[in-house]
Structure formats: C-alpha cells, structure tokens
Amino acid sequence: MANQLVEIRDDVAVIAGEITKVWVSNGGEAFVKLRDGAVHTVDAAYGETPFQASTRIKAQIEAALA
C-alpha cells in the first residue's frame, strides 16, 4: 500500500482520501480542496509548472487510494 499522506506544501500534508478537488487557476496557481471545505495552495517543486504540480498531486492521490 502506498503512502496515504500527500504533501501539498512544506508544512502541510493531508490524507489522500480527504482531498476532493485539485485544479489550476487562471492565475497560474495549483490548489486542492479538502473534504472539510478548506482550500490550500500547492507548492510547486523547483522548475515545476502549476499544471505539473497538480498532475503530481493527482498521481499521489491515485497511488495512495489504489
């Protein structure tokens, strides 16, 4: 079983099943929405575009829930 925690920022990691939505805004930032309604920005790794960051988070969620 894969790691259930998904690190969205250096100081924030959440359980994969608590993330309900991952998206990239028109302003060029990646966000996640949690089951409790909280919205967090996703830190992109060095050289990573917001789209790549959202794709990475989605892949981590998929792996954790598989």
N, C-alpha and C. Protein backbone atom coordinates (compact mmCIF):
# COMPACT_ATOMS: atom_id res chain seq x y z
N MET A 1 0.84 -1.17 0.00
CA MET A 1 0.00 0.00 0.00
C MET A 1 0.90 1.25 0.00
N ALA A 2 0.55 2.22 -0.80
CA ALA A 2 1.33 3.43 -0.92
C ALA A 2 1.09 4.35 0.28
N ASN A 3 1.92 5.36 0.39
CA ASN A 3 1.79 6.34 1.46
C ASN A 3 0.44 7.06 1.35
N GLN A 4 -0.30 7.11 2.43
CA GLN A 4 -1.61 7.74 2.44
C GLN A 4 -1.52 9.26 2.56
N LEU A 5 -0.37 9.78 2.99
CA LEU A 5 -0.21 11.23 3.14
C LEU A 5 0.28 11.84 1.83
N VAL A 6 -0.34 12.97 1.47
CA VAL A 6 0.07 13.71 0.28
C VAL A 6 0.57 15.06 0.77
N GLU A 7 1.83 15.37 0.47
CA GLU A 7 2.40 16.65 0.90
C GLU A 7 2.07 17.71 -0.14
N ILE A 8 1.28 18.70 0.27
CA ILE A 8 0.90 19.74 -0.67
C ILE A 8 1.74 21.00 -0.51
N ARG A 9 2.32 21.17 0.67
CA ARG A 9 3.27 22.25 0.94
C ARG A 9 4.29 21.70 1.92
N ASP A 10 5.34 22.47 2.16
CA ASP A 10 6.37 22.03 3.10
C ASP A 10 5.80 21.79 4.49
N ASP A 11 4.79 22.57 4.87
CA ASP A 11 4.24 22.49 6.21
C ASP A 11 2.86 21.84 6.29
N VAL A 12 2.36 21.33 5.16
CA VAL A 12 1.02 20.73 5.15
C VAL A 12 1.03 19.42 4.38
N ALA A 13 0.62 18.36 5.06
CA ALA A 13 0.40 17.06 4.42
C ALA A 13 -0.99 16.59 4.83
N VAL A 14 -1.72 16.02 3.90
CA VAL A 14 -3.09 15.57 4.19
C VAL A 14 -3.26 14.13 3.75
N ILE A 15 -4.25 13.49 4.32
CA ILE A 15 -4.59 12.13 3.92
C ILE A 15 -5.24 12.19 2.53
N ALA A 16 -4.82 11.32 1.65
CA ALA A 16 -5.26 11.36 0.25
C ALA A 16 -6.77 11.35 0.12
N GLY A 17 -7.46 10.59 0.94
CA GLY A 17 -8.91 10.49 0.86
C GLY A 17 -9.65 11.76 1.27
N GLU A 18 -8.95 12.70 1.89
CA GLU A 18 -9.56 13.96 2.31
C GLU A 18 -9.57 15.00 1.20
N ILE A 19 -8.81 14.77 0.12
CA ILE A 19 -8.74 15.72 -0.99
C ILE A 19 -9.89 15.43 -1.95
N THR A 20 -10.71 16.45 -2.21
CA THR A 20 -11.87 16.26 -3.08
C THR A 20 -11.68 16.87 -4.46
N LYS A 21 -10.76 17.84 -4.59
CA LYS A 21 -10.58 18.51 -5.88
C LYS A 21 -9.17 19.05 -5.99
N VAL A 22 -8.59 18.93 -7.18
CA VAL A 22 -7.28 19.51 -7.48
C VAL A 22 -7.45 20.28 -8.78
N TRP A 23 -7.01 21.55 -8.80
CA TRP A 23 -7.16 22.33 -10.01
C TRP A 23 -6.09 23.40 -10.10
N VAL A 24 -5.97 23.95 -11.32
CA VAL A 24 -5.05 25.07 -11.59
C VAL A 24 -5.91 26.27 -11.94
N SER A 25 -5.65 27.40 -11.27
CA SER A 25 -6.43 28.61 -11.51
C SER A 25 -5.95 29.31 -12.78
N ASN A 26 -6.76 30.24 -13.25
CA ASN A 26 -6.36 31.05 -14.41
C ASN A 26 -5.14 31.91 -14.08
N GLY A 27 -4.94 32.20 -12.79
CA GLY A 27 -3.79 32.98 -12.36
C GLY A 27 -2.50 32.19 -12.29
N GLY A 28 -2.57 30.88 -12.54
CA GLY A 28 -1.37 30.06 -12.59
C GLY A 28 -0.94 29.47 -11.26
N GLU A 29 -1.90 29.18 -10.38
CA GLU A 29 -1.59 28.52 -9.11
C GLU A 29 -2.37 27.22 -9.02
N ALA A 30 -1.77 26.22 -8.39
CA ALA A 30 -2.44 24.94 -8.18
C ALA A 30 -3.05 24.94 -6.78
N PHE A 31 -4.26 24.38 -6.68
CA PHE A 31 -4.99 24.34 -5.42
C PHE A 31 -5.53 22.95 -5.16
N VAL A 32 -5.75 22.63 -3.89
CA VAL A 32 -6.51 21.43 -3.50
C VAL A 32 -7.63 21.86 -2.57
N LYS A 33 -8.75 21.18 -2.69
CA LYS A 33 -9.88 21.42 -1.79
C LYS A 33 -10.06 20.16 -0.96
N LEU A 34 -10.21 20.35 0.34
CA LEU A 34 -10.37 19.23 1.25
C LEU A 34 -11.85 18.99 1.55
N ARG A 35 -12.12 17.83 2.08
CA ARG A 35 -13.48 17.42 2.40
C ARG A 35 -14.17 18.40 3.35
N ASP A 36 -13.40 19.04 4.23
CA ASP A 36 -14.00 19.99 5.18
C ASP A 36 -14.21 21.37 4.58
N GLY A 37 -13.89 21.55 3.30
CA GLY A 37 -14.11 22.81 2.61
C GLY A 37 -12.88 23.71 2.55
N ALA A 38 -11.83 23.38 3.27
CA ALA A 38 -10.61 24.19 3.26
C ALA A 38 -9.92 24.08 1.89
N VAL A 39 -9.38 25.20 1.43
CA VAL A 39 -8.66 25.23 0.16
C VAL A 39 -7.21 25.63 0.46
N HIS A 40 -6.27 24.87 -0.09
CA HIS A 40 -4.84 25.13 0.11
C HIS A 40 -4.16 25.27 -1.24
N THR A 41 -3.15 26.13 -1.30
CA THR A 41 -2.31 26.20 -2.49
C THR A 41 -1.30 25.06 -2.44
N VAL A 42 -0.88 24.63 -3.61
CA VAL A 42 0.10 23.56 -3.72
C VAL A 42 1.44 24.18 -4.06
N ASP A 43 2.47 23.85 -3.30
CA ASP A 43 3.82 24.31 -3.62
C ASP A 43 4.35 23.51 -4.80
N ALA A 44 4.79 24.22 -5.82
CA ALA A 44 5.41 23.55 -6.96
C ALA A 44 6.89 23.34 -6.65
N ALA A 45 7.40 22.20 -7.07
CA ALA A 45 8.83 21.93 -6.92
C ALA A 45 9.60 22.86 -7.85
N TYR A 46 10.89 23.02 -7.59
CA TYR A 46 11.72 23.90 -8.41
C TYR A 46 11.61 23.50 -9.87
N GLY A 47 11.25 24.46 -10.72
CA GLY A 47 11.15 24.21 -12.15
C GLY A 47 9.86 23.56 -12.58
N GLU A 48 8.96 23.31 -11.66
CA GLU A 48 7.70 22.64 -11.96
C GLU A 48 6.62 23.68 -12.24
N THR A 49 5.86 23.46 -13.31
CA THR A 49 4.74 24.37 -13.61
C THR A 49 3.56 24.03 -12.70
N PRO A 50 2.61 24.94 -12.54
CA PRO A 50 1.42 24.62 -11.74
C PRO A 50 0.67 23.39 -12.27
N PHE A 51 0.60 23.24 -13.59
CA PHE A 51 -0.06 22.07 -14.16
C PHE A 51 0.67 20.79 -13.77
N GLN A 52 2.00 20.82 -13.81
CA GLN A 52 2.78 19.65 -13.40
C GLN A 52 2.58 19.36 -11.92
N ALA A 53 2.49 20.40 -11.09
CA ALA A 53 2.26 20.21 -9.66
C ALA A 53 0.91 19.56 -9.41
N SER A 54 -0.13 20.01 -10.12
CA SER A 54 -1.46 19.41 -9.93
C SER A 54 -1.48 17.97 -10.42
N THR A 55 -0.77 17.69 -11.51
CA THR A 55 -0.68 16.32 -12.02
C THR A 55 0.05 15.42 -11.03
N ARG A 56 1.10 15.95 -10.40
CA ARG A 56 1.85 15.18 -9.38
C ARG A 56 0.95 14.86 -8.19
N ILE A 57 0.19 15.83 -7.72
CA ILE A 57 -0.72 15.60 -6.58
C ILE A 57 -1.77 14.56 -6.95
N LYS A 58 -2.35 14.68 -8.14
CA LYS A 58 -3.36 13.71 -8.59
C LYS A 58 -2.77 12.30 -8.65
N ALA A 59 -1.54 12.17 -9.13
CA ALA A 59 -0.89 10.86 -9.20
C ALA A 59 -0.64 10.29 -7.81
N GLN A 60 -0.25 11.15 -6.86
CA GLN A 60 -0.03 10.68 -5.49
C GLN A 60 -1.34 10.21 -4.86
N ILE A 61 -2.43 10.92 -5.13
CA ILE A 61 -3.74 10.52 -4.61
C ILE A 61 -4.14 9.17 -5.20
N GLU A 62 -3.99 9.05 -6.51
CA GLU A 62 -4.35 7.80 -7.19
C GLU A 62 -3.56 6.62 -6.63
N ALA A 63 -2.26 6.82 -6.43
CA ALA A 63 -1.40 5.74 -5.91
C ALA A 63 -1.80 5.39 -4.48
N ALA A 64 -2.12 6.39 -3.68
CA ALA A 64 -2.47 6.14 -2.29
C ALA A 64 -3.79 5.41 -2.14
N LEU A 65 -4.72 5.67 -3.04
CA LEU A 65 -6.04 5.07 -2.95
C LEU A 65 -6.15 3.75 -3.73
N ALA A 66 -5.09 3.37 -4.44
CA ALA A 66 -5.12 2.14 -5.23
C ALA A 66 -5.03 0.91 -4.35
